[in-house]
PDB file of N, CA and C in Angstrom:
ATOM      1  N   MET A   1     123.475-174.871-118.654  1.00  0.00           N
ATOM      2  CA  MET A   1     124.259-175.971-119.176  1.00  0.00           C
ATOM      3  C   MET A   1     123.741-176.851-119.309  1.00  0.00           C
ATOM      4  N   SER A   2     123.538-177.169-120.607  1.00  0.00           N
ATOM      5  CA  SER A   2     122.332-178.189-121.570  1.00  0.00           C
ATOM      6  C   SER A   2     123.581-179.822-121.443  1.00  0.00           C
ATOM      7  N   HIS A   3     123.217-180.279-121.689  1.00  0.00           N
ATOM      8  CA  HIS A   3     124.123-181.838-121.346  1.00  0.00           C
ATOM      9  C   HIS A   3     123.953-183.087-122.825  1.00  0.00           C
ATOM     10  N   LEU A   4     124.632-183.242-122.927  1.00  0.00           N
ATOM     11  CA  LEU A   4     124.975-184.779-124.351  1.00  0.00           C
ATOM     12  C   LEU A   4     122.952-185.643-124.207  1.00  0.00           C
ATOM     13  N   ILE A   5     122.456-185.981-124.795  1.00  0.00           N
ATOM     14  CA  ILE A   5     122.099-186.739-123.635  1.00  0.00           C
ATOM     15  C   ILE A   5     122.440-188.022-125.363  1.00  0.00           C
ATOM     16  N   SER A   6     122.531-189.424-124.865  1.00  0.00           N
ATOM     17  CA  SER A   6     122.928-190.524-125.820  1.00  0.00           C
ATOM     18  C   SER A   6     121.184-191.155-126.097  1.00  0.00           C
ATOM     19  N   VAL A   7     120.649-191.863-127.002  1.00  0.00           N
ATOM     20  CA  VAL A   7     119.694-192.520-126.417  1.00  0.00           C
ATOM     21  C   VAL A   7     120.126-193.833-127.849  1.00  0.00           C
ATOM     22  N   GLN A   8     119.726-194.695-126.995  1.00  0.00           N
ATOM     23  CA  GLN A   8     120.108-195.689-128.327  1.00  0.00           C
ATOM     24  C   GLN A   8     118.784-196.988-129.861  1.00  0.00           C
ATOM     25  N   LEU A   9     118.371-196.261-130.295  1.00  0.00           N
ATOM     26  CA  LEU A   9     116.969-196.291-131.245  1.00  0.00           C
ATOM     27  C   LEU A   9     116.194-197.267-131.063  1.00  0.00           C
ATOM     28  N   ASP A  10     117.455-198.947-131.442  1.00  0.00           N
ATOM     29  CA  ASP A  10     116.634-200.057-131.155  1.00  0.00           C
ATOM     30  C   ASP A  10     116.728-200.594-129.810  1.00  0.00           C
ATOM     31  N   VAL A  11     117.556-199.546-128.327  1.00  0.00           N
ATOM     32  CA  VAL A  11     117.355-200.298-127.299  1.00  0.00           C
ATOM     33  C   VAL A  11     115.505-199.671-127.483  1.00  0.00           C
ATOM     34  N   LEU A  12     115.241-198.572-127.436  1.00  0.00           N
ATOM     35  CA  LEU A  12     114.112-197.603-126.831  1.00  0.00           C
ATOM     36  C   LEU A  12     113.076-197.847-128.087  1.00  0.00           C
ATOM     37  N   ALA A  13     113.355-198.926-129.069  1.00  0.00           N
ATOM     38  CA  ALA A  13     112.063-199.774-129.286  1.00  0.00           C
ATOM     39  C   ALA A  13     111.817-200.973-128.526  1.00  0.00           C
ATOM     40  N   GLY A  14     112.972-201.538-128.287  1.00  0.00           N
ATOM     41  CA  GLY A  14     112.577-202.889-127.192  1.00  0.00           C
ATOM     42  C   GLY A  14     112.201-202.733-126.738  1.00  0.00           C
ATOM     43  N   LEU A  15     111.932-201.134-125.375  1.00  0.00           N
ATOM     44  CA  LEU A  15     111.310-201.218-124.032  1.00  0.00           C
ATOM     45  C   LEU A  15     109.842-200.803-124.020  1.00  0.00           C
ATOM     46  N   LEU A  16     110.199-199.949-126.259  1.00  0.00           N
ATOM     47  CA  LEU A  16     108.506-199.851-126.180  1.00  0.00           C
ATOM     48  C   LEU A  16     107.742-200.903-126.477  1.00  0.00           C
ATOM     49  N   ALA A  17     108.142-202.005-127.122  1.00  0.00           N
ATOM     50  CA  ALA A  17     108.028-203.391-127.179  1.00  0.00           C
ATOM     51  C   ALA A  17     106.869-204.244-126.059  1.00  0.00           C
ATOM     52  N   GLN A  18     108.084-203.930-125.543  1.00  0.00           N
ATOM     53  CA  GLN A  18     107.763-204.577-124.431  1.00  0.00           C
ATOM     54  C   GLN A  18     106.896-203.458-123.435  1.00  0.00           C
ATOM     55  N   LEU A  19     106.295-202.997-123.539  1.00  0.00           N
ATOM     56  CA  LEU A  19     105.436-200.981-122.926  1.00  0.00           C
ATOM     57  C   LEU A  19     104.273-201.964-123.491  1.00  0.00           C
ATOM     58  N   ARG A  20     104.057-201.632-124.839  1.00  0.00           N
ATOM     59  CA  ARG A  20     102.785-202.111-125.388  1.00  0.00           C
ATOM     60  C   ARG A  20     102.563-204.224-124.709  1.00  0.00           C
ATOM     61  N   ALA A  21     103.503-204.739-125.287  1.00  0.00           N
ATOM     62  CA  ALA A  21     102.741-206.151-124.328  1.00  0.00           C
ATOM     63  C   ALA A  21     102.712-205.822-123.130  1.00  0.00           C
ATOM     64  N   LEU A  22     103.326-205.432-122.149  1.00  0.00           N
ATOM     65  CA  LEU A  22     102.693-206.000-120.461  1.00  0.00           C
ATOM     66  C   LEU A  22     101.169-204.624-121.174  1.00  0.00           C
ATOM     67  N   GLY A  23     101.073-203.619-121.563  1.00  0.00           N
ATOM     68  CA  GLY A  23      99.592-202.909-121.616  1.00  0.00           C
ATOM     69  C   GLY A  23      98.536-204.300-121.941  1.00  0.00           C
ATOM     70  N   VAL A  24      98.793-204.413-123.009  1.00  0.00           N
ATOM     71  CA  VAL A  24      97.413-206.425-123.333  1.00  0.00           C
ATOM     72  C   VAL A  24      97.592-206.793-122.639  1.00  0.00           C
ATOM     73  N   GLU A  25      98.564-207.275-121.549  1.00  0.00           N
ATOM     74  CA  GLU A  25      98.565-208.622-120.609  1.00  0.00           C
ATOM     75  C   GLU A  25      97.761-207.756-119.438  1.00  0.00           C
ATOM     76  N   LEU A  26      97.856-207.211-119.005  1.00  0.00           N
ATOM     77  CA  LEU A  26      97.410-205.309-118.012  1.00  0.00           C
ATOM     78  C   LEU A  26      96.474-205.304-118.289  1.00  0.00           C
ATOM     79  N   THR A  27      95.287-205.628-119.865  1.00  0.00           N
ATOM     80  CA  THR A  27      94.301-205.288-120.660  1.00  0.00           C
ATOM     81  C   THR A  27      93.174-206.105-120.089  1.00  0.00           C
ATOM     82  N   GLU A  28      94.161-207.707-120.465  1.00  0.00           N
ATOM     83  CA  GLU A  28      93.519-208.927-120.110  1.00  0.00           C
ATOM     84  C   GLU A  28      93.267-209.630-119.480  1.00  0.00           C
ATOM     85  N   ASP A  29      93.856-208.891-117.774  1.00  0.00           N
ATOM     86  CA  ASP A  29      94.066-209.599-116.688  1.00  0.00           C
ATOM     87  C   ASP A  29      92.711-208.368-115.760  1.00  0.00           C
ATOM     88  N   HIS A  30      92.397-207.312-116.217  1.00  0.00           N
ATOM     89  CA  HIS A  30      91.957-206.570-115.282  1.00  0.00           C
ATOM     90  C   HIS A  30      90.492-207.332-116.384  1.00  0.00           C
ATOM     91  N   GLN A  31      90.662-207.360-117.246  1.00  0.00           N
ATOM     92  CA  GLN A  31      88.839-208.289-118.142  1.00  0.00           C
ATOM     93  C   GLN A  31      89.427-209.516-117.700  1.00  0.00           C
ATOM     94  N   LEU A  32      89.759-210.302-117.335  1.00  0.00           N
ATOM     95  CA  LEU A  32      89.319-211.636-116.624  1.00  0.00           C
ATOM     96  C   LEU A  32      89.436-211.690-115.149  1.00  0.00           C
ATOM     97  N   THR A  33      89.681-210.841-114.854  1.00  0.00           N
ATOM     98  CA  THR A  33      89.595-210.496-113.368  1.00  0.00           C
ATOM     99  C   THR A  33      88.060-209.902-112.628  1.00  0.00           C
ATOM    100  N   ALA A  34      87.208-209.373-113.514  1.00  0.00           N
ATOM    101  CA  ALA A  34      86.764-207.980-113.659  1.00  0.00           C
ATOM    102  C   ALA A  34      85.109-209.733-113.648  1.00  0.00           C
ATOM    103  N   ALA A  35      85.400-210.814-115.583  1.00  0.00           N
ATOM    104  CA  ALA A  35      84.457-211.538-114.847  1.00  0.00           C
ATOM    105  C   ALA A  35      84.565-212.101-113.348  1.00  0.00           C
ATOM    106  N   THR A  36      86.021-212.672-113.338  1.00  0.00           N
ATOM    107  CA  THR A  36      86.027-213.829-111.600  1.00  0.00           C
ATOM    108  C   THR A  36      84.806-213.285-110.635  1.00  0.00           C
ATOM    109  N   GLY A  37      84.675-212.291-109.814  1.00  0.00           N
ATOM    110  CA  GLY A  37      84.430-211.736-109.113  1.00  0.00           C
ATOM    111  C   GLY A  37      82.750-211.539-109.456  1.00  0.00           C
ATOM    112  N   ARG A  38      82.730-211.026-110.718  1.00  0.00           N
ATOM    113  CA  ARG A  38      81.113-211.648-110.764  1.00  0.00           C
ATOM    114  C   ARG A  38      80.340-213.081-110.351  1.00  0.00           C
ATOM    115  N   SER A  39      81.632-213.608-110.951  1.00  0.00           N
ATOM    116  CA  SER A  39      81.025-215.065-110.942  1.00  0.00           C
ATOM    117  C   SER A  39      81.136-215.209-109.986  1.00  0.00           C
ATOM    118  N   LEU A  40      82.136-214.957-108.753  1.00  0.00           N
ATOM    119  CA  LEU A  40      82.039-215.856-106.928  1.00  0.00           C
ATOM    120  C   LEU A  40      80.759-215.451-106.498  1.00  0.00           C
ATOM    121  N   GLU A  41      80.863-213.783-107.222  1.00  0.00           N
ATOM    122  CA  GLU A  41      79.421-213.688-106.733  1.00  0.00           C
ATOM    123  C   GLU A  41      77.947-214.535-106.505  1.00  0.00           C
ATOM    124  N   ARG A  42      77.892-215.425-108.065  1.00  0.00           N
ATOM    125  CA  ARG A  42      77.344-215.788-108.954  1.00  0.00           C
ATOM    126  C   ARG A  42      77.419-217.344-107.919  1.00  0.00           C
ATOM    127  N   ALA A  43      77.959-216.904-107.627  1.00  0.00           N
ATOM    128  CA  ALA A  43      78.479-218.642-106.701  1.00  0.00           C
ATOM    129  C   ALA A  43      78.398-219.695-105.687  1.00  0.00           C
ATOM    130  N   VAL A  44      79.043-218.281-105.103  1.00  0.00           N
ATOM    131  CA  VAL A  44      79.007-217.535-103.128  1.00  0.00           C
ATOM    132  C   VAL A  44      77.997-216.988-102.600  1.00  0.00           C
ATOM    133  N   ALA A  45      76.825-218.432-102.335  1.00  0.00           N
ATOM    134  CA  ALA A  45      75.860-216.996-101.802  1.00  0.00           C
ATOM    135  C   ALA A  45      75.870-216.132-101.105  1.00  0.00           C
ATOM    136  N   GLY A  46      75.340-215.431-100.133  1.00  0.00           N
ATOM    137  CA  GLY A  46      75.857-214.155 -99.542  1.00  0.00           C
ATOM    138  C   GLY A  46      76.655-213.249 -99.316  1.00  0.00           C
ATOM    139  N   PRO A  47      76.969-212.367 -97.987  1.00  0.00           N
ATOM    140  CA  PRO A  47      77.561-210.889 -98.251  1.00  0.00           C
ATOM    141  C   PRO A  47      79.214-212.209 -98.031  1.00  0.00           C
ATOM    142  N   VAL A  48      79.127-213.357 -97.998  1.00  0.00           N
ATOM    143  CA  VAL A  48      81.251-213.894 -98.836  1.00  0.00           C
ATOM    144  C   VAL A  48      80.816-213.741 -99.920  1.00  0.00           C
ATOM    145  N   GLY A  49      80.385-214.031-101.100  1.00  0.00           N
ATOM    146  CA  GLY A  49      79.685-213.753-102.022  1.00  0.00           C
ATOM    147  C   GLY A  49      79.569-212.104-102.719  1.00  0.00           C
ATOM    148  N   GLU A  50      79.637-211.787-102.514  1.00  0.00           N
ATOM    149  CA  GLU A  50      79.461-210.336-102.303  1.00  0.00           C
ATOM    150  C   GLU A  50      80.893-209.378-102.098  1.00  0.00           C
ATOM    151  N   GLU A  51      81.013-209.667-100.909  1.00  0.00           N
ATOM    152  CA  GLU A  51      82.977-209.033-100.772  1.00  0.00           C
ATOM    153  C   GLU A  51      83.801-209.610-101.805  1.00  0.00           C
ATOM    154  N   ALA A  52      83.441-210.692-102.106  1.00  0.00           N
ATOM    155  CA  ALA A  52      84.578-211.797-103.313  1.00  0.00           C
ATOM    156  C   ALA A  52      84.139-210.915-104.334  1.00  0.00           C
ATOM    157  N   ALA A  53      82.559-210.838-104.335  1.00  0.00           N
ATOM    158  CA  ALA A  53      82.994-209.191-105.497  1.00  0.00           C
ATOM    159  C   ALA A  53      82.823-207.890-105.476  1.00  0.00           C
ATOM    160  N   GLY A  54      83.257-207.659-104.492  1.00  0.00           N
ATOM    161  CA  GLY A  54      83.740-206.445-104.172  1.00  0.00           C
ATOM    162  C   GLY A  54      84.938-205.974-104.545  1.00  0.00           C
ATOM    163  N   ALA A  55      86.022-207.088-103.962  1.00  0.00           N
ATOM    164  CA  ALA A  55      87.857-207.566-104.582  1.00  0.00           C
ATOM    165  C   ALA A  55      87.285-206.996-105.488  1.00  0.00           C
ATOM    166  N   GLY A  56      86.977-208.399-106.350  1.00  0.00           N
ATOM    167  CA  GLY A  56      87.058-208.397-107.240  1.00  0.00           C
ATOM    168  C   GLY A  56      87.188-207.180-108.205  1.00  0.00           C
ATOM    169  N   ALA A  57      86.377-206.480-108.252  1.00  0.00           N
ATOM    170  CA  ALA A  57      85.994-205.380-108.823  1.00  0.00           C
ATOM    171  C   ALA A  57      86.965-203.862-108.426  1.00  0.00           C
ATOM    172  N   GLU A  58      86.656-204.391-107.417  1.00  0.00           N
ATOM    173  CA  GLU A  58      87.846-203.226-107.062  1.00  0.00           C
ATOM    174  C   GLU A  58      89.308-203.470-107.778  1.00  0.00           C
ATOM    175  N   TRP A  59      89.494-205.114-107.531  1.00  0.00           N
ATOM    176  CA  TRP A  59      91.293-205.592-107.701  1.00  0.00           C
ATOM    177  C   TRP A  59      91.505-204.860-109.530  1.00  0.00           C
ATOM    178  N   ALA A  60      89.969-205.298-110.387  1.00  0.00           N
ATOM    179  CA  ALA A  60      90.214-205.020-112.321  1.00  0.00           C
ATOM    180  C   ALA A  60      90.402-204.041-112.220  1.00  0.00           C
ATOM    181  N   ALA A  61      89.562-202.723-110.851  1.00  0.00           N
ATOM    182  CA  ALA A  61      90.298-200.778-111.494  1.00  0.00           C
ATOM    183  C   ALA A  61      90.834-201.395-111.071  1.00  0.00           C
ATOM    184  N   ALA A  62      92.147-201.624-110.213  1.00  0.00           N
ATOM    185  CA  ALA A  62      92.778-200.657-110.041  1.00  0.00           C
ATOM    186  C   ALA A  62      94.181-201.282-111.124  1.00  0.00           C
ATOM    187  N   LEU A  63      94.175-202.716-111.903  1.00  0.00           N
ATOM    188  CA  LEU A  63      94.521-203.601-113.323  1.00  0.00           C
ATOM    189  C   LEU A  63      94.524-202.544-114.467  1.00  0.00           C
ATOM    190  N   GLY A  64      92.710-202.543-114.539  1.00  0.00           N
ATOM    191  CA  GLY A  64      92.432-201.487-114.983  1.00  0.00           C
ATOM    192  C   GLY A  64      93.262-199.547-116.039  1.00  0.00           C
ATOM    193  N   ALA A  65      93.501-199.703-114.436  1.00  0.00           N
ATOM    194  CA  ALA A  65      94.290-197.850-114.772  1.00  0.00           C
ATOM    195  C   ALA A  65      95.077-198.451-114.153  1.00  0.00           C
ATOM    196  N   LEU A  66      96.034-199.158-113.880  1.00  0.00           N
ATOM    197  CA  LEU A  66      96.965-199.664-114.642  1.00  0.00           C
ATOM    198  C   LEU A  66      97.487-199.763-115.863  1.00  0.00           C
ATOM    199  N   ALA A  67      97.409-200.927-116.641  1.00  0.00           N
ATOM    200  CA  ALA A  67      97.156-201.125-117.537  1.00  0.00           C
ATOM    201  C   ALA A  67      96.751-199.805-119.422  1.00  0.00           C
ATOM    202  N   ALA A  68      95.180-199.433-118.180  1.00  0.00           N
ATOM    203  CA  ALA A  68      95.597-197.148-119.217  1.00  0.00           C
ATOM    204  C   ALA A  68      97.250-196.575-119.102  1.00  0.00           C
ATOM    205  N   ARG A  69      97.258-196.213-118.025  1.00  0.00           N
ATOM    206  CA  ARG A  69      98.939-195.382-117.310  1.00  0.00           C
ATOM    207  C   ARG A  69     100.052-196.937-118.444  1.00  0.00           C
ATOM    208  N   THR A  70     100.364-198.050-118.272  1.00  0.00           N
ATOM    209  CA  THR A  70     101.176-198.325-119.391  1.00  0.00           C
ATOM    210  C   THR A  70     100.776-197.554-120.851  1.00  0.00           C
ATOM    211  N   LEU A  71     100.464-198.335-121.097  1.00  0.00           N
ATOM    212  CA  LEU A  71      99.651-198.111-122.693  1.00  0.00           C
ATOM    213  C   LEU A  71     100.088-196.019-122.683  1.00  0.00           C
ATOM    214  N   ALA A  72      99.417-195.322-121.955  1.00  0.00           N
ATOM    215  CA  ALA A  72      99.583-194.568-122.170  1.00  0.00           C
ATOM    216  C   ALA A  72     101.234-194.082-122.064  1.00  0.00           C
ATOM    217  N   VAL A  73     102.685-194.076-121.461  1.00  0.00           N
ATOM    218  CA  VAL A  73     103.440-194.668-121.425  1.00  0.00           C
ATOM    219  C   VAL A  73     104.458-194.496-122.088  1.00  0.00           C
ATOM    220  N   ALA A  74     103.359-195.632-123.081  1.00  0.00           N
ATOM    221  CA  ALA A  74     104.262-196.447-124.257  1.00  0.00           C
ATOM    222  C   ALA A  74     103.666-195.659-124.989  1.00  0.00           C
ATOM    223  N   ALA A  75     102.416-195.077-125.476  1.00  0.00           N
ATOM    224  CA  ALA A  75     102.022-193.500-126.331  1.00  0.00           C
ATOM    225  C   ALA A  75     103.300-192.652-126.462  1.00  0.00           C
ATOM    226  N   VAL A  76     103.502-192.911-125.548  1.00  0.00           N
ATOM    227  CA  VAL A  76     104.569-190.994-124.797  1.00  0.00           C
ATOM    228  C   VAL A  76     106.085-191.331-125.482  1.00  0.00           C
ATOM    229  N   LEU A  77     106.370-192.806-125.171  1.00  0.00           N
ATOM    230  CA  LEU A  77     107.374-193.158-125.234  1.00  0.00           C
ATOM    231  C   LEU A  77     107.701-193.745-127.123  1.00  0.00           C
ATOM    232  N   GLU A  78     106.456-193.507-127.255  1.00  0.00           N
ATOM    233  CA  GLU A  78     106.104-194.195-129.566  1.00  0.00           C
ATOM    234  C   GLU A  78     106.664-192.566-130.109  1.00  0.00           C
ATOM    235  N   SER A  79     105.904-191.633-129.142  1.00  0.00           N
ATOM    236  CA  SER A  79     106.001-190.238-129.761  1.00  0.00           C
ATOM    237  C   SER A  79     107.344-189.713-129.426  1.00  0.00           C
ATOM    238  N   ALA A  80     107.944-190.436-128.890  1.00  0.00           N
ATOM    239  CA  ALA A  80     109.216-189.850-128.702  1.00  0.00           C
ATOM    240  C   ALA A  80     110.245-190.184-129.005  1.00  0.00           C
ATOM    241  N   LEU A  81     110.325-192.054-129.974  1.00  0.00           N
ATOM    242  CA  LEU A  81     110.723-192.783-130.263  1.00  0.00           C
ATOM    243  C   LEU A  81     111.276-191.664-131.480  1.00  0.00           C
ATOM    244  N   ALA A  82     109.649-191.874-132.481  1.00  0.00           N
ATOM    245  CA  ALA A  82     109.931-190.532-133.972  1.00  0.00           C
ATOM    246  C   ALA A  82     110.596-190.100-134.174  1.00  0.00           C
ATOM    247  N   GLY A  83     110.372-189.165-132.854  1.00  0.00           N
ATOM    248  CA  GLY A  83     111.619-187.780-133.100  1.00  0.00           C
ATOM    249  C   GLY A  83     112.662-187.613-133.135  1.00  0.00           C
ATOM    250  N   TYR A  84     112.353-189.176-132.302  1.00  0.00           N
ATOM    251  CA  TYR A  84     114.586-188.690-131.934  1.00  0.00           C
ATOM    252  C   TYR A  84     114.534-190.174-133.465  1.00  0.00           C
ATOM    253  N   ARG A  85     114.668-190.722-134.051  1.00  0.00           N
ATOM    254  CA  ARG A  85     114.230-191.161-135.257  1.00  0.00           C
ATOM    255  C   ARG A  85     113.933-190.205-137.005  1.00  0.00           C
ATOM    256  N   VAL A  86     113.060-189.630-136.269  1.00  0.00           N
ATOM    257  CA  VAL A  86     113.038-188.000-137.094  1.00  0.00           C
ATOM    258  C   VAL A  86     114.901-187.226-137.359  1.00  0.00           C
ATOM    259  N   ALA A  87     115.405-186.549-136.123  1.00  0.00           N
ATOM    260  CA  ALA A  87     116.032-185.995-136.062  1.00  0.00           C
ATOM    261  C   ALA A  87     117.510-186.397-136.274  1.00  0.00           C
ATOM    262  N   ASP A  88     117.329-187.802-135.413  1.00  0.00           N
ATOM    263  CA  ASP A  88     119.310-188.583-136.523  1.00  0.00           C
ATOM    264  C   ASP A  88     118.841-188.932-137.759  1.00  0.00           C
ATOM    265  N   GLU A  89     117.642-188.843-138.464  1.00  0.00           N
ATOM    266  CA  GLU A  89     118.097-189.240-139.928  1.00  0.00           C
ATOM    267  C   GLU A  89     118.353-186.963-140.721  1.00  0.00           C
ATOM    268  N   GLY A  90     118.111-186.963-140.161  1.00  0.00           N
ATOM    269  CA  GLY A  90     117.888-185.523-140.095  1.00  0.00           C
ATOM    270  C   GLY A  90     119.799-185.108-140.136  1.00  0.00           C
ATOM    271  N   LEU A  91     120.549-185.764-138.439  1.00  0.00           N
ATOM    272  CA  LEU A  91     121.940-185.734-138.719  1.00  0.00           C
ATOM    273  C   LEU A  91     122.100-186.267-139.804  1.00  0.00           C
ATOM    274  N   ALA A  92     121.778-187.889-140.197  1.00  0.00           N
ATOM    275  CA  ALA A  92     122.984-188.156-140.819  1.00  0.00           C
ATOM    276  C   ALA A  92     122.534-188.033-142.070  1.00  0.00           C
ATOM    277  N   GLY A  93     121.633-186.836-143.007  1.00  0.00           N
ATOM    278  CA  GLY A  93     121.577-186.826-144.249  1.00  0.00           C
ATOM    279  C   GLY A  93     122.599-185.628-144.061  1.00  0.00           C
ATOM    280  N   HIS A  94     122.785-184.259-143.171  1.00  0.00           N
ATOM    281  CA  HIS A  94     123.545-183.631-142.844  1.00  0.00           C
ATOM    282  C   HIS A  94     124.736-184.049-143.483  1.00  0.00           C
ATOM    283  N   ILE A  95     124.924-185.217-141.535  1.00  0.00           N
ATOM    284  CA  ILE A  95     126.557-184.909-142.015  1.00  0.00           C
ATOM    285  C   ILE A  95     127.173-185.957-143.443  1.00  0.00           C
ATOM    286  N   HIS A  96     126.133-187.372-143.908  1.00  0.00           N
ATOM    287  CA  HIS A  96     126.506-187.652-145.258  1.00  0.00           C
ATOM    288  C   HIS A  96     126.305-187.139-146.221  1.00  0.00           C
ATOM    289  N   GLY A  97     125.842-185.160-146.491  1.00  0.00           N
ATOM    290  CA  GLY A  97     125.047-184.730-147.358  1.00  0.00           C
ATOM    291  C   GLY A  97     126.585-183.864-147.813  1.00  0.00           C
ATOM    292  N   GLY A  98     125.426-183.040-149.226  1.00  0.00           N
ATOM    293  CA  GLY A  98     126.020-182.067-149.517  1.00  0.00           C
ATOM    294  C   GLY A  98     127.022-181.805-148.237  1.00  0.00           C
ATOM    295  N   GLY A  99     127.167-181.209-147.858  1.00  0.00           N
ATOM    296  CA  GLY A  99     128.461-180.768-146.453  1.00  0.00           C
ATOM    297  C   GLY A  99     129.667-180.735-146.210  1.00  0.00           C
ATOM    298  N   ALA A 100     129.406-182.358-146.301  1.00  0.00           N
ATOM    299  CA  ALA A 100     130.424-183.960-145.874  1.00  0.00           C
ATOM    300  C   ALA A 100     132.114-182.828-146.336  1.00  0.00           C
ATOM    301  N   GLY A 101     132.481-183.007-145.351  1.00  0.00           N
ATOM    302  CA  GLY A 101     134.339-183.010-146.596  1.00  0.00           C
ATOM    303  C   GLY A 101     134.762-181.405-146.497  1.00  0.00           C
ATOM    304  N   ARG A 102     134.138-179.754-146.097  1.00  0.00           N
ATOM    305  CA  ARG A 102     134.156-179.020-146.620  1.00  0.00           C
ATOM    306  C   ARG A 102     134.676-178.356-145.169  1.00  0.00           C
ATOM    307  N   VAL A 103     135.256-177.473-145.363  1.00  0.00           N
ATOM    308  CA  VAL A 103     135.648-176.517-144.590  1.00  0.00           C
ATOM    309  C   VAL A 103     134.927-175.662-143.703  1.00  0.00           C
ATOM    310  N   GLY A 104     135.964-176.600-142.231  1.00  0.00           N
ATOM    311  CA  GLY A 104     134.955-175.702-142.186  1.00  0.00           C
ATOM    312  C   GLY A 104     132.797-175.729-141.131  1.00  0.00           C
ATOM    313  N   ASP A 105     132.706-177.150-141.998  1.00  0.00           N
ATOM    314  CA  ASP A 105     131.663-178.163-141.470  1.00  0.00           C
ATOM    315  C   ASP A 105     131.746-178.031-139.956  1.00  0.00           C
ATOM    316  N   MET A 106     131.459-177.735-138.858  1.00  0.00           N
ATOM    317  CA  MET A 106     130.379-177.930-138.065  1.00  0.00           C
ATOM    318  C   MET A 106     130.618-179.362-137.181  1.00  0.00           C
ATOM    319  N   ALA A 107     131.029-180.177-136.783  1.00  0.00           N
ATOM    320  CA  ALA A 107     131.050-181.927-136.662  1.00  0.00           C
ATOM    321  C   ALA A 107     129.845-181.697-135.725  1.00  0.00           C
ATOM    322  N   VAL A 108     128.816-182.548-136.045  1.00  0.00           N
ATOM    323  CA  VAL A 108     128.010-182.770-134.479  1.00  0.00           C
ATOM    324  C   VAL A 108     127.594-183.944-134.122  1.00  0.00           C
ATOM    325  N   PRO A 109     127.598-184.084-132.070  1.00  0.00           N
ATOM    326  CA  PRO A 109     128.652-185.496-131.653  1.00  0.00           C
ATOM    327  C   PRO A 109     127.015-186.388-131.703  1.00  0.00           C
ATOM    328  N   ARG A 110     127.401-187.842-132.384  1.00  0.00           N
ATOM    329  CA  ARG A 110     126.666-188.573-131.767  1.00  0.00           C
ATOM    330  C   ARG A 110     126.346-189.078-131.337  1.00  0.00           C
TER     331      ARG A 110
END
């Protein structure tokens, strides 16, 4: 059994914009964290500095992975949104086009 899926395209576009912004912000945090870890290693001598650099590198890697996956989800969402917009325009063209008002035309739920 199929189910009707309702998508509010403007809301979906807003979510896409937020995901892109989050991906950019996470990418910037990744770069800053990696640089800070290296700075701590130079600033603090010995094993403490090495541990701080290691922790910074690991945290930067986690932020980098999160940023990449966030941007990947945004890319998939962008593709889905484009597909929904094309389908919506096609339905609108069919409804407002040559078939409007003819007896026997099937209504398409929107």
